[in-house]
Amino acid sequence: MAAAAVASVRAFRCEFARTGWFGQDVVWLAPEPAAPFRALTSAVHAMFPGFPPYGGAHADVVPHLTIGDQPGGGSGALGAAEAEVRSALPIQAQILRAWLMTGAQTPGSWRAIAELPLGK
C-alpha cells in the first residue's frame, strides 16, 4: 500500500550544497530541489494519515538531512560538525528509494521496517 504511494514519486537527483539550523539544537543539510522530498512526505502521510510527520508538531515540514541533533557536547560540537561537513559540499545524490522507519527518543532505537522503491 505505502509502496504504491511512494512509487508515484519518480526517482530523482539532488544536491546538498548548504547547511541550516533548527534553533541551536539541530544542524542539517538542505536538499535542492526540495519539491520531490515534499512529495514523498505527502505520499507517505496520505497512506498513514493518523501519523503526521513529526507528530504534527510543525505546520511546514522542511526537507532536510540531519547532520547532528542535541549532542552531548552542546552546540559547539554541532558547529564543529557543520564546519567539517561544509568542507565536503556540495554532495550529489540519486534518490531511488525511501525507508519507512520506526523508533523512539532512545539512542539506537531507530530501524528500517520497509524499503520503498521510487517510480522510474
PDB file of N, CA and C in Angstrom:
ATOM      1  N   MET A   1       0.821  -1.186   0.000  1.00  0.00           N
ATOM      2  CA  MET A   1       0.000   0.000   0.000  1.00  0.00           C
ATOM      3  C   MET A   1       0.871   1.258   0.000  1.00  0.00           C
ATOM      4  N   ALA A   2       1.764   1.400   0.981  1.00  0.00           N
ATOM      5  CA  ALA A   2       2.656   2.560   1.019  1.00  0.00           C
ATOM      6  C   ALA A   2       3.602   2.549  -0.165  1.00  0.00           C
ATOM      7  N   ALA A   3       3.995   1.349  -0.599  1.00  0.00           N
ATOM      8  CA  ALA A   3       4.910   1.239  -1.737  1.00  0.00           C
ATOM      9  C   ALA A   3       4.296   1.885  -2.971  1.00  0.00           C
ATOM     10  N   ALA A   4       2.997   1.681  -3.200  1.00  0.00           N
ATOM     11  CA  ALA A   4       2.338   2.273  -4.362  1.00  0.00           C
ATOM     12  C   ALA A   4       2.331   3.793  -4.273  1.00  0.00           C
ATOM     13  N   ALA A   5       2.077   4.339  -3.091  1.00  0.00           N
ATOM     14  CA  ALA A   5       2.062   5.789  -2.924  1.00  0.00           C
ATOM     15  C   ALA A   5       3.438   6.379  -3.177  1.00  0.00           C
ATOM     16  N   VAL A   6       4.459   5.750  -2.648  1.00  0.00           N
ATOM     17  CA  VAL A   6       5.822   6.247  -2.829  1.00  0.00           C
ATOM     18  C   VAL A   6       6.263   6.075  -4.275  1.00  0.00           C
ATOM     19  N   ALA A   7       5.828   4.998  -4.932  1.00  0.00           N
ATOM     20  CA  ALA A   7       6.190   4.773  -6.328  1.00  0.00           C
ATOM     21  C   ALA A   7       5.608   5.847  -7.239  1.00  0.00           C
ATOM     22  N   SER A   8       4.596   6.603  -6.764  1.00  0.00           N
ATOM     23  CA  SER A   8       4.046   7.692  -7.565  1.00  0.00           C
ATOM     24  C   SER A   8       5.038   8.851  -7.678  1.00  0.00           C
ATOM     25  N   VAL A   9       6.048   8.865  -6.827  1.00  0.00           N
ATOM     26  CA  VAL A   9       7.123   9.855  -6.900  1.00  0.00           C
ATOM     27  C   VAL A   9       8.273   9.219  -7.667  1.00  0.00           C
ATOM     28  N   ARG A  10       8.722   9.874  -8.717  1.00  0.00           N
ATOM     29  CA  ARG A  10       9.803   9.330  -9.542  1.00  0.00           C
ATOM     30  C   ARG A  10      11.162   9.498  -8.864  1.00  0.00           C
ATOM     31  N   ALA A  11      12.059   8.547  -9.123  1.00  0.00           N
ATOM     32  CA  ALA A  11      13.443   8.668  -8.647  1.00  0.00           C
ATOM     33  C   ALA A  11      14.013   9.991  -9.168  1.00  0.00           C
ATOM     34  N   PHE A  12      14.943  10.582  -8.424  1.00  0.00           N
ATOM     35  CA  PHE A  12      15.466  11.891  -8.808  1.00  0.00           C
ATOM     36  C   PHE A  12      16.867  12.098  -8.265  1.00  0.00           C
ATOM     37  N   ARG A  13      17.540  13.096  -8.815  1.00  0.00           N
ATOM     38  CA  ARG A  13      18.856  13.508  -8.328  1.00  0.00           C
ATOM     39  C   ARG A  13      18.678  14.780  -7.499  1.00  0.00           C
ATOM     40  N   CYS A  14      19.560  14.939  -6.523  1.00  0.00           N
ATOM     41  CA  CYS A  14      19.531  16.170  -5.738  1.00  0.00           C
ATOM     42  C   CYS A  14      20.952  16.538  -5.339  1.00  0.00           C
ATOM     43  N   GLU A  15      21.062  17.734  -4.789  1.00  0.00           N
ATOM     44  CA  GLU A  15      22.348  18.234  -4.316  1.00  0.00           C
ATOM     45  C   GLU A  15      22.148  18.832  -2.930  1.00  0.00           C
ATOM     46  N   PHE A  16      23.089  18.553  -2.057  1.00  0.00           N
ATOM     47  CA  PHE A  16      23.131  19.165  -0.739  1.00  0.00           C
ATOM     48  C   PHE A  16      24.296  20.151  -0.776  1.00  0.00           C
ATOM     49  N   ALA A  17      23.990  21.457  -0.844  1.00  0.00           N
ATOM     50  CA  ALA A  17      25.039  22.465  -1.020  1.00  0.00           C
ATOM     51  C   ALA A  17      25.152  23.443   0.136  1.00  0.00           C
ATOM     52  N   ARG A  18      24.188  23.393   1.078  1.00  0.00           N
ATOM     53  CA  ARG A  18      24.255  24.342   2.192  1.00  0.00           C
ATOM     54  C   ARG A  18      23.697  23.697   3.452  1.00  0.00           C
ATOM     55  N   THR A  19      24.104  24.274   4.579  1.00  0.00           N
ATOM     56  CA  THR A  19      23.606  23.809   5.866  1.00  0.00           C
ATOM     57  C   THR A  19      22.521  24.754   6.375  1.00  0.00           C
ATOM     58  N   GLY A  20      21.779  24.279   7.338  1.00  0.00           N
ATOM     59  CA  GLY A  20      20.763  25.080   8.010  1.00  0.00           C
ATOM     60  C   GLY A  20      20.667  24.637   9.455  1.00  0.00           C
ATOM     61  N   TRP A  21      19.955  25.397  10.234  1.00  0.00           N
ATOM     62  CA  TRP A  21      19.796  25.102  11.667  1.00  0.00           C
ATOM     63  C   TRP A  21      18.336  25.191  12.055  1.00  0.00           C
ATOM     64  N   PHE A  22      17.907  24.331  12.959  1.00  0.00           N
ATOM     65  CA  PHE A  22      16.643  24.465  13.664  1.00  0.00           C
ATOM     66  C   PHE A  22      17.038  24.898  15.071  1.00  0.00           C
ATOM     67  N   GLY A  23      16.866  26.187  15.357  1.00  0.00           N
ATOM     68  CA  GLY A  23      17.311  26.717  16.639  1.00  0.00           C
ATOM     69  C   GLY A  23      18.808  26.517  16.784  1.00  0.00           C
ATOM     70  N   GLN A  24      19.239  26.089  17.974  1.00  0.00           N
ATOM     71  CA  GLN A  24      20.648  25.780  18.220  1.00  0.00           C
ATOM     72  C   GLN A  24      20.845  24.292  18.477  1.00  0.00           C
ATOM     73  N   ASP A  25      19.774  23.510  18.234  1.00  0.00           N
ATOM     74  CA  ASP A  25      19.815  22.094  18.591  1.00  0.00           C
ATOM     75  C   ASP A  25      20.018  21.135  17.431  1.00  0.00           C
ATOM     76  N   VAL A  26      19.723  21.570  16.204  1.00  0.00           N
ATOM     77  CA  VAL A  26      19.806  20.662  15.061  1.00  0.00           C
ATOM     78  C   VAL A  26      20.470  21.382  13.898  1.00  0.00           C
ATOM     79  N   VAL A  27      21.514  20.776  13.359  1.00  0.00           N
ATOM     80  CA  VAL A  27      22.149  21.281  12.143  1.00  0.00           C
ATOM     81  C   VAL A  27      21.859  20.267  11.032  1.00  0.00           C
ATOM     82  N   TRP A  28      21.587  20.791   9.825  1.00  0.00           N
ATOM     83  CA  TRP A  28      21.141  19.916   8.753  1.00  0.00           C
ATOM     84  C   TRP A  28      21.620  20.406   7.398  1.00  0.00           C
ATOM     85  N   LEU A  29      21.481  19.531   6.401  1.00  0.00           N
ATOM     86  CA  LEU A  29      21.771  19.865   5.009  1.00  0.00           C
ATOM     87  C   LEU A  29      20.457  20.093   4.272  1.00  0.00           C
ATOM     88  N   ALA A  30      20.436  21.089   3.404  1.00  0.00           N
ATOM     89  CA  ALA A  30      19.248  21.419   2.620  1.00  0.00           C
ATOM     90  C   ALA A  30      19.353  20.777   1.233  1.00  0.00           C
ATOM     91  N   PRO A  31      18.349  19.991   0.842  1.00  0.00           N
ATOM     92  CA  PRO A  31      18.376  19.389  -0.489  1.00  0.00           C
ATOM     93  C   PRO A  31      17.799  20.329  -1.541  1.00  0.00           C
ATOM     94  N   GLU A  32      18.382  20.292  -2.717  1.00  0.00           N
ATOM     95  CA  GLU A  32      17.838  21.008  -3.874  1.00  0.00           C
ATOM     96  C   GLU A  32      17.776  20.028  -5.033  1.00  0.00           C
ATOM     97  N   PRO A  33      16.631  19.852  -5.633  1.00  0.00           N
ATOM     98  CA  PRO A  33      15.378  20.513  -5.310  1.00  0.00           C
ATOM     99  C   PRO A  33      14.729  19.894  -4.075  1.00  0.00           C
ATOM    100  N   ALA A  34      13.917  20.684  -3.390  1.00  0.00           N
ATOM    101  CA  ALA A  34      13.218  20.202  -2.198  1.00  0.00           C
ATOM    102  C   ALA A  34      11.856  19.595  -2.538  1.00  0.00           C
ATOM    103  N   ALA A  35      11.293  19.971  -3.683  1.00  0.00           N
ATOM    104  CA  ALA A  35       9.934  19.536  -4.037  1.00  0.00           C
ATOM    105  C   ALA A  35       9.758  18.013  -4.037  1.00  0.00           C
ATOM    106  N   PRO A  36      10.677  17.220  -4.579  1.00  0.00           N
ATOM    107  CA  PRO A  36      10.459  15.771  -4.545  1.00  0.00           C
ATOM    108  C   PRO A  36      10.420  15.211  -3.115  1.00  0.00           C
ATOM    109  N   PHE A  37      11.170  15.801  -2.208  1.00  0.00           N
ATOM    110  CA  PHE A  37      11.134  15.365  -0.814  1.00  0.00           C
ATOM    111  C   PHE A  37       9.785  15.716  -0.183  1.00  0.00           C
ATOM    112  N   ARG A  38       9.255  16.873  -0.534  1.00  0.00           N
ATOM    113  CA  ARG A  38       7.927  17.253  -0.047  1.00  0.00           C
ATOM    114  C   ARG A  38       6.872  16.288  -0.590  1.00  0.00           C
ATOM    115  N   ALA A  39       7.007  15.893  -1.869  1.00  0.00           N
ATOM    116  CA  ALA A  39       6.069  14.948  -2.474  1.00  0.00           C
ATOM    117  C   ALA A  39       6.136  13.589  -1.771  1.00  0.00           C
ATOM    118  N   LEU A  40       7.344  13.143  -1.428  1.00  0.00           N
ATOM    119  CA  LEU A  40       7.491  11.884  -0.693  1.00  0.00           C
ATOM    120  C   LEU A  40       6.814  11.967   0.670  1.00  0.00           C
ATOM    121  N   THR A  41       7.042  13.055   1.371  1.00  0.00           N
ATOM    122  CA  THR A  41       6.431  13.239   2.695  1.00  0.00           C
ATOM    123  C   THR A  41       4.910  13.204   2.573  1.00  0.00           C
ATOM    124  N   SER A  42       4.372  13.895   1.585  1.00  0.00           N
ATOM    125  CA  SER A  42       2.919  13.919   1.384  1.00  0.00           C
ATOM    126  C   SER A  42       2.375  12.545   1.029  1.00  0.00           C
ATOM    127  N   ALA A  43       3.098  11.801   0.179  1.00  0.00           N
ATOM    128  CA  ALA A  43       2.635  10.473  -0.226  1.00  0.00           C
ATOM    129  C   ALA A  43       2.587   9.521   0.966  1.00  0.00           C
ATOM    130  N   VAL A  44       3.610   9.550   1.787  1.00  0.00           N
ATOM    131  CA  VAL A  44       3.636   8.656   2.948  1.00  0.00           C
ATOM    132  C   VAL A  44       2.571   9.091   3.960  1.00  0.00           C
ATOM    133  N   HIS A  45       2.429  10.395   4.171  1.00  0.00           N
ATOM    134  CA  HIS A  45       1.413  10.866   5.114  1.00  0.00           C
ATOM    135  C   HIS A  45       0.011  10.503   4.630  1.00  0.00           C
ATOM    136  N   ALA A  46      -0.227  10.547   3.318  1.00  0.00           N
ATOM    137  CA  ALA A  46      -1.539  10.164   2.778  1.00  0.00           C
ATOM    138  C   ALA A  46      -1.853   8.699   3.074  1.00  0.00           C
ATOM    139  N   MET A  47      -0.844   7.855   3.088  1.00  0.00           N
ATOM    140  CA  MET A  47      -1.049   6.443   3.374  1.00  0.00           C
ATOM    141  C   MET A  47      -1.239   6.177   4.868  1.00  0.00           C
ATOM    142  N   PHE A  48      -0.691   7.043   5.701  1.00  0.00           N
ATOM    143  CA  PHE A  48      -0.769   6.893   7.155  1.00  0.00           C
ATOM    144  C   PHE A  48      -1.257   8.199   7.768  1.00  0.00           C
ATOM    145  N   PRO A  49      -2.502   8.609   7.485  1.00  0.00           N
ATOM    146  CA  PRO A  49      -2.968   9.924   7.933  1.00  0.00           C
ATOM    147  C   PRO A  49      -3.019  10.079   9.452  1.00  0.00           C
ATOM    148  N   GLY A  50      -3.066   9.007  10.172  1.00  0.00           N
ATOM    149  CA  GLY A  50      -3.081   9.095  11.631  1.00  0.00           C
ATOM    150  C   GLY A  50      -1.708   9.329  12.227  1.00  0.00           C
ATOM    151  N   PHE A  51      -0.683   9.369  11.367  1.00  0.00           N
ATOM    152  CA  PHE A  51       0.697   9.537  11.822  1.00  0.00           C
ATOM    153  C   PHE A  51       1.364  10.661  11.029  1.00  0.00           C
ATOM    154  N   PRO A  52       1.026  11.907  11.325  1.00  0.00           N
ATOM    155  CA  PRO A  52       1.631  13.012  10.576  1.00  0.00           C
ATOM    156  C   PRO A  52       3.131  13.122  10.853  1.00  0.00           C
ATOM    157  N   PRO A  53       3.868  13.678   9.903  1.00  0.00           N
ATOM    158  CA  PRO A  53       5.305  13.867  10.118  1.00  0.00           C
ATOM    159  C   PRO A  53       5.568  14.635  11.414  1.00  0.00           C
ATOM    160  N   TYR A  54       6.526  14.174  12.177  1.00  0.00           N
ATOM    161  CA  TYR A  54       6.919  14.804  13.440  1.00  0.00           C
ATOM    162  C   TYR A  54       5.732  14.956  14.392  1.00  0.00           C
ATOM    163  N   GLY A  55       4.792  14.012  14.296  1.00  0.00           N
ATOM    164  CA  GLY A  55       3.638  14.023  15.185  1.00  0.00           C
ATOM    165  C   GLY A  55       2.733  15.227  15.004  1.00  0.00           C
ATOM    166  N   GLY A  56       2.863  15.917  13.858  1.00  0.00           N
ATOM    167  CA  GLY A  56       2.043  17.099  13.606  1.00  0.00           C
ATOM    168  C   GLY A  56       2.542  18.351  14.301  1.00  0.00           C
ATOM    169  N   ALA A  57       3.745  18.298  14.856  1.00  0.00           N
ATOM    170  CA  ALA A  57       4.280  19.431  15.623  1.00  0.00           C
ATOM    171  C   ALA A  57       4.635  20.638  14.751  1.00  0.00           C
ATOM    172  N   HIS A  58       4.808  20.423  13.448  1.00  0.00           N
ATOM    173  CA  HIS A  58       5.244  21.505  12.561  1.00  0.00           C
ATOM    174  C   HIS A  58       4.267  21.656  11.400  1.00  0.00           C
ATOM    175  N   ALA A  59       3.782  22.874  11.180  1.00  0.00           N
ATOM    176  CA  ALA A  59       2.857  23.126  10.075  1.00  0.00           C
ATOM    177  C   ALA A  59       3.543  22.910   8.730  1.00  0.00           C
ATOM    178  N   ASP A  60       4.809  23.288   8.633  1.00  0.00           N
ATOM    179  CA  ASP A  60       5.580  23.112   7.403  1.00  0.00           C
ATOM    180  C   ASP A  60       6.740  22.177   7.696  1.00  0.00           C
ATOM    181  N   VAL A  61       6.762  21.039   7.033  1.00  0.00           N
ATOM    182  CA  VAL A  61       7.864  20.089   7.204  1.00  0.00           C
ATOM    183  C   VAL A  61       8.970  20.486   6.232  1.00  0.00           C
ATOM    184  N   VAL A  62      10.097  20.882   6.756  1.00  0.00           N
ATOM    185  CA  VAL A  62      11.228  21.347   5.960  1.00  0.00           C
ATOM    186  C   VAL A  62      12.062  20.141   5.529  1.00  0.00           C
ATOM    187  N   PRO A  63      12.173  19.896   4.212  1.00  0.00           N
ATOM    188  CA  PRO A  63      13.037  18.794   3.773  1.00  0.00           C
ATOM    189  C   PRO A  63      14.476  19.050   4.224  1.00  0.00           C
ATOM    190  N   HIS A  64      15.090  18.031   4.814  1.00  0.00           N
ATOM    191  CA  HIS A  64      16.457  18.193   5.307  1.00  0.00           C
ATOM    192  C   HIS A  64      17.088  16.834   5.590  1.00  0.00           C
ATOM    193  N   LEU A  65      18.402  16.841   5.693  1.00  0.00           N
ATOM    194  CA  LEU A  65      19.186  15.681   6.099  1.00  0.00           C
ATOM    195  C   LEU A  65      19.923  16.100   7.370  1.00  0.00           C
ATOM    196  N   THR A  66      19.551  15.500   8.496  1.00  0.00           N
ATOM    197  CA  THR A  66      20.131  15.895   9.774  1.00  0.00           C
ATOM    198  C   THR A  66      21.607  15.506   9.852  1.00  0.00           C
ATOM    199  N   ILE A  67      22.446  16.459  10.228  1.00  0.00           N
ATOM    200  CA  ILE A  67      23.867  16.205  10.489  1.00  0.00           C
ATOM    201  C   ILE A  67      24.039  15.845  11.956  1.00  0.00           C
ATOM    202  N   GLY A  68      23.415  16.623  12.840  1.00  0.00           N
ATOM    203  CA  GLY A  68      23.534  16.379  14.276  1.00  0.00           C
ATOM    204  C   GLY A  68      22.363  16.962  15.021  1.00  0.00           C
ATOM    205  N   ASP A  69      22.046  16.323  16.143  1.00  0.00           N
ATOM    206  CA  ASP A  69      20.881  16.697  16.920  1.00  0.00           C
ATOM    207  C   ASP A  69      21.209  16.611  18.402  1.00  0.00           C
ATOM    208  N   GLN A  70      21.268  17.761  19.072  1.00  0.00           N
ATOM    209  CA  GLN A  70      21.469  17.849  20.516  1.00  0.00           C
ATOM    210  C   GLN A  70      22.560  16.914  21.048  1.00  0.00           C
ATOM    211  N   PRO A  71      23.782  17.076  20.590  1.00  0.00           N
ATOM    212  CA  PRO A  71      24.840  16.183  21.062  1.00  0.00           C
ATOM    213  C   PRO A  71      25.238  16.477  22.507  1.00  0.00           C
ATOM    214  N   GLY A  72      25.876  15.512  23.120  1.00  0.00           N
ATOM    215  CA  GLY A  72      26.362  15.700  24.481  1.00  0.00           C
ATOM    216  C   GLY A  72      27.314  16.870  24.599  1.00  0.00           C
ATOM    217  N   GLY A  73      28.027  17.193  23.514  1.00  0.00           N
ATOM    218  CA  GLY A  73      28.992  18.290  23.527  1.00  0.00           C
ATOM    219  C   GLY A  73      28.371  19.652  23.330  1.00  0.00           C
ATOM    220  N   GLY A  74      27.042  19.730  23.182  1.00  0.00           N
ATOM    221  CA  GLY A  74      26.356  21.004  23.023  1.00  0.00           C
ATOM    222  C   GLY A  74      26.481  21.571  21.621  1.00  0.00           C
ATOM    223  N   SER A  75      26.071  22.849  21.484  1.00  0.00           N
ATOM    224  CA  SER A  75      26.055  23.469  20.167  1.00  0.00           C
ATOM    225  C   SER A  75      27.456  23.662  19.588  1.00  0.00           C
ATOM    226  N   GLY A  76      28.479  23.691  20.433  1.00  0.00           N
ATOM    227  CA  GLY A  76      29.854  23.784  19.924  1.00  0.00           C
ATOM    228  C   GLY A  76      30.216  22.559  19.104  1.00  0.00           C
ATOM    229  N   ALA A  77      29.789  21.392  19.560  1.00  0.00           N
ATOM    230  CA  ALA A  77      30.035  20.153  18.807  1.00  0.00           C
ATOM    231  C   ALA A  77      29.279  20.180  17.482  1.00  0.00           C
ATOM    232  N   LEU A  78      28.067  20.727  17.506  1.00  0.00           N
ATOM    233  CA  LEU A  78      27.297  20.826  16.257  1.00  0.00           C
ATOM    234  C   LEU A  78      27.980  21.785  15.282  1.00  0.00           C
ATOM    235  N   GLY A  79      28.486  22.898  15.786  1.00  0.00           N
ATOM    236  CA  GLY A  79      29.199  23.851  14.936  1.00  0.00           C
ATOM    237  C   GLY A  79      30.421  23.228  14.301  1.00  0.00           C
ATOM    238  N   ALA A  80      31.142  22.425  15.058  1.00  0.00           N
ATOM    239  CA  ALA A  80      32.319  21.733  14.512  1.00  0.00           C
ATOM    240  C   ALA A  80      31.910  20.729  13.444  1.00  0.00           C
ATOM    241  N   ALA A  81      30.810  20.013  13.683  1.00  0.00           N
ATOM    242  CA  ALA A  81      30.313  19.055  12.688  1.00  0.00           C
ATOM    243  C   ALA A  81      29.895  19.786  11.426  1.00  0.00           C
ATOM    244  N   GLU A  82      29.236  20.929  11.589  1.00  0.00           N
ATOM    245  CA  GLU A  82      28.818  21.713  10.426  1.00  0.00           C
ATOM    246  C   GLU A  82      30.034  22.152   9.613  1.00  0.00           C
ATOM    247  N   ALA A  83      31.067  22.652  10.274  1.00  0.00           N
ATOM    248  CA  ALA A  83      32.274  23.105   9.567  1.00  0.00           C
ATOM    249  C   ALA A  83      32.917  21.969   8.798  1.00  0.00           C
ATOM    250  N   GLU A  84      32.980  20.800   9.408  1.00  0.00           N
ATOM    251  CA  GLU A  84      33.583  19.651   8.728  1.00  0.00           C
ATOM    252  C   GLU A  84      32.770  19.245   7.509  1.00  0.00           C
ATOM    253  N   VAL A  85      31.451  19.210   7.645  1.00  0.00           N
ATOM    254  CA  VAL A  85      30.594  18.824   6.524  1.00  0.00           C
ATOM    255  C   VAL A  85      30.653  19.871   5.414  1.00  0.00           C
ATOM    256  N   ARG A  86      30.672  21.148   5.774  1.00  0.00           N
ATOM    257  CA  ARG A  86      30.725  22.216   4.759  1.00  0.00           C
ATOM    258  C   ARG A  86      31.924  22.062   3.832  1.00  0.00           C
ATOM    259  N   SER A  87      33.030  21.565   4.373  1.00  0.00           N
ATOM    260  CA  SER A  87      34.225  21.419   3.536  1.00  0.00           C
ATOM    261  C   SER A  87      34.048  20.349   2.467  1.00  0.00           C
ATOM    262  N   ALA A  88      33.044  19.502   2.590  1.00  0.00           N
ATOM    263  CA  ALA A  88      32.796  18.431   1.611  1.00  0.00           C
ATOM    264  C   ALA A  88      31.656  18.772   0.654  1.00  0.00           C
ATOM    265  N   LEU A  89      31.043  19.938   0.810  1.00  0.00           N
ATOM    266  CA  LEU A  89      29.907  20.313  -0.036  1.00  0.00           C
ATOM    267  C   LEU A  89      30.371  20.849  -1.373  1.00  0.00           C
ATOM    268  N   PRO A  90      29.581  20.688  -2.419  1.00  0.00           N
ATOM    269  CA  PRO A  90      28.267  20.066  -2.431  1.00  0.00           C
ATOM    270  C   PRO A  90      28.361  18.539  -2.527  1.00  0.00           C
ATOM    271  N   ILE A  91      27.317  17.896  -2.051  1.00  0.00           N
ATOM    272  CA  ILE A  91      27.187  16.441  -2.139  1.00  0.00           C
ATOM    273  C   ILE A  91      26.073  16.146  -3.124  1.00  0.00           C
ATOM    274  N   GLN A  92      26.372  15.327  -4.116  1.00  0.00           N
ATOM    275  CA  GLN A  92      25.383  14.912  -5.108  1.00  0.00           C
ATOM    276  C   GLN A  92      24.797  13.567  -4.686  1.00  0.00           C
ATOM    277  N   ALA A  93      23.505  13.369  -4.922  1.00  0.00           N
ATOM    278  CA  ALA A  93      22.867  12.100  -4.560  1.00  0.00           C
ATOM    279  C   ALA A  93      21.794  11.748  -5.571  1.00  0.00           C
ATOM    280  N   GLN A  94      21.601  10.468  -5.758  1.00  0.00           N
ATOM    281  CA  GLN A  94      20.475   9.979  -6.540  1.00  0.00           C
ATOM    282  C   GLN A  94      19.537   9.294  -5.561  1.00  0.00           C
ATOM    283  N   ILE A  95      18.297   9.733  -5.541  1.00  0.00           N
ATOM    284  CA  ILE A  95      17.311   9.214  -4.602  1.00  0.00           C
ATOM    285  C   ILE A  95      16.470   8.170  -5.342  1.00  0.00           C
ATOM    286  N   LEU A  96      16.639   6.922  -4.950  1.00  0.00           N
ATOM    287  CA  LEU A  96      15.981   5.801  -5.618  1.00  0.00           C
ATOM    288  C   LEU A  96      14.913   5.138  -4.772  1.00  0.00           C
ATOM    289  N   ARG A  97      14.971   5.354  -3.452  1.00  0.00           N
ATOM    290  CA  ARG A  97      14.046   4.668  -2.543  1.00  0.00           C
ATOM    291  C   ARG A  97      13.880   5.490  -1.269  1.00  0.00           C
ATOM    292  N   ALA A  98      12.813   5.159  -0.558  1.00  0.00           N
ATOM    293  CA  ALA A  98      12.566   5.730   0.768  1.00  0.00           C
ATOM    294  C   ALA A  98      12.551   4.577   1.760  1.00  0.00           C
ATOM    295  N   TRP A  99      12.941   4.856   2.967  1.00  0.00           N
ATOM    296  CA  TRP A  99      12.866   3.855   4.037  1.00  0.00           C
ATOM    297  C   TRP A  99      11.779   4.282   5.000  1.00  0.00           C
ATOM    298  N   LEU A 100      10.932   3.350   5.356  1.00  0.00           N
ATOM    299  CA  LEU A 100       9.960   3.578   6.417  1.00  0.00           C
ATOM    300  C   LEU A 100      10.626   3.112   7.697  1.00  0.00           C
ATOM    301  N   MET A 101      10.744   4.023   8.667  1.00  0.00           N
ATOM    302  CA  MET A 101      11.500   3.730   9.880  1.00  0.00           C
ATOM    303  C   MET A 101      10.625   3.907  11.114  1.00  0.00           C
ATOM    304  N   THR A 102      11.021   3.245  12.184  1.00  0.00           N
ATOM    305  CA  THR A 102      10.349   3.379  13.464  1.00  0.00           C
ATOM    306  C   THR A 102      11.411   3.487  14.557  1.00  0.00           C
ATOM    307  N   GLY A 103      11.053   4.163  15.629  1.00  0.00           N
ATOM    308  CA  GLY A 103      11.989   4.314  16.736  1.00  0.00           C
ATOM    309  C   GLY A 103      11.410   5.224  17.794  1.00  0.00           C
ATOM    310  N   ALA A 104      12.229   5.521  18.759  1.00  0.00           N
ATOM    311  CA  ALA A 104      11.822   6.369  19.884  1.00  0.00           C
ATOM    312  C   ALA A 104      12.949   7.353  20.172  1.00  0.00           C
ATOM    313  N   GLN A 105      12.805   8.112  21.230  1.00  0.00           N
ATOM    314  CA  GLN A 105      13.842   9.062  21.617  1.00  0.00           C
ATOM    315  C   GLN A 105      15.101   8.367  22.125  1.00  0.00           C
ATOM    316  N   THR A 106      15.015   7.109  22.419  1.00  0.00           N
ATOM    317  CA  THR A 106      16.148   6.345  22.932  1.00  0.00           C
ATOM    318  C   THR A 106      17.217   6.198  21.857  1.00  0.00           C
ATOM    319  N   PRO A 107      18.463   6.592  22.140  1.00  0.00           N
ATOM    320  CA  PRO A 107      19.527   6.432  21.147  1.00  0.00           C
ATOM    321  C   PRO A 107      19.639   4.979  20.682  1.00  0.00           C
ATOM    322  N   GLY A 108      19.817   4.827  19.375  1.00  0.00           N
ATOM    323  CA  GLY A 108      19.991   3.493  18.799  1.00  0.00           C
ATOM    324  C   GLY A 108      18.703   2.718  18.599  1.00  0.00           C
ATOM    325  N   SER A 109      17.543   3.346  18.848  1.00  0.00           N
ATOM    326  CA  SER A 109      16.287   2.612  18.733  1.00  0.00           C
ATOM    327  C   SER A 109      15.704   2.611  17.322  1.00  0.00           C
ATOM    328  N   TRP A 110      16.190   3.468  16.440  1.00  0.00           N
ATOM    329  CA  TRP A 110      15.613   3.578  15.101  1.00  0.00           C
ATOM    330  C   TRP A 110      16.052   2.427  14.212  1.00  0.00           C
ATOM    331  N   ARG A 111      15.080   1.911  13.434  1.00  0.00           N
ATOM    332  CA  ARG A 111      15.383   0.838  12.484  1.00  0.00           C
ATOM    333  C   ARG A 111      14.455   0.943  11.288  1.00  0.00           C
ATOM    334  N   ALA A 112      14.929   0.511  10.141  1.00  0.00           N
ATOM    335  CA  ALA A 112      14.119   0.478   8.928  1.00  0.00           C
ATOM    336  C   ALA A 112      13.195  -0.723   8.976  1.00  0.00           C
ATOM    337  N   ILE A 113      11.914  -0.501   8.669  1.00  0.00           N
ATOM    338  CA  ILE A 113      10.962  -1.612   8.640  1.00  0.00           C
ATOM    339  C   ILE A 113      10.481  -1.916   7.238  1.00  0.00           C
ATOM    340  N   ALA A 114      10.751  -0.987   6.286  1.00  0.00           N
ATOM    341  CA  ALA A 114      10.391  -1.244   4.892  1.00  0.00           C
ATOM    342  C   ALA A 114      11.252  -0.367   3.988  1.00  0.00           C
ATOM    343  N   GLU A 115      11.610  -0.912   2.841  1.00  0.00           N
ATOM    344  CA  GLU A 115      12.314  -0.161   1.811  1.00  0.00           C
ATOM    345  C   GLU A 115      11.334   0.022   0.662  1.00  0.00           C
ATOM    346  N   LEU A 116      11.077   1.258   0.284  1.00  0.00           N
ATOM    347  CA  LEU A 116      10.049   1.579  -0.698  1.00  0.00           C
ATOM    348  C   LEU A 116      10.684   2.202  -1.943  1.00  0.00           C
ATOM    349  N   PRO A 117      10.740   1.453  -3.050  1.00  0.00           N
ATOM    350  CA  PRO A 117      11.349   1.996  -4.264  1.00  0.00           C
ATOM    351  C   PRO A 117      10.510   3.121  -4.870  1.00  0.00           C
ATOM    352  N   LEU A 118      11.186   4.132  -5.399  1.00  0.00           N
ATOM    353  CA  LEU A 118      10.507   5.211  -6.094  1.00  0.00           C
ATOM    354  C   LEU A 118      10.192   4.771  -7.524  1.00  0.00           C
ATOM    355  N   GLY A 119       9.324   5.521  -8.203  1.00  0.00           N
ATOM    356  CA  GLY A 119       8.975   5.215  -9.579  1.00  0.00           C
ATOM    357  C   GLY A 119      10.111   5.518 -10.537  1.00  0.00           C
ATOM    358  N   LYS A 120      10.012   4.963 -11.693  1.00  0.00           N
ATOM    359  CA  LYS A 120      11.049   5.185 -12.729  1.00  0.00           C
ATOM    360  C   LYS A 120      10.566   6.105 -13.795  1.00  0.00           C
TER     361      LYS A 120
END
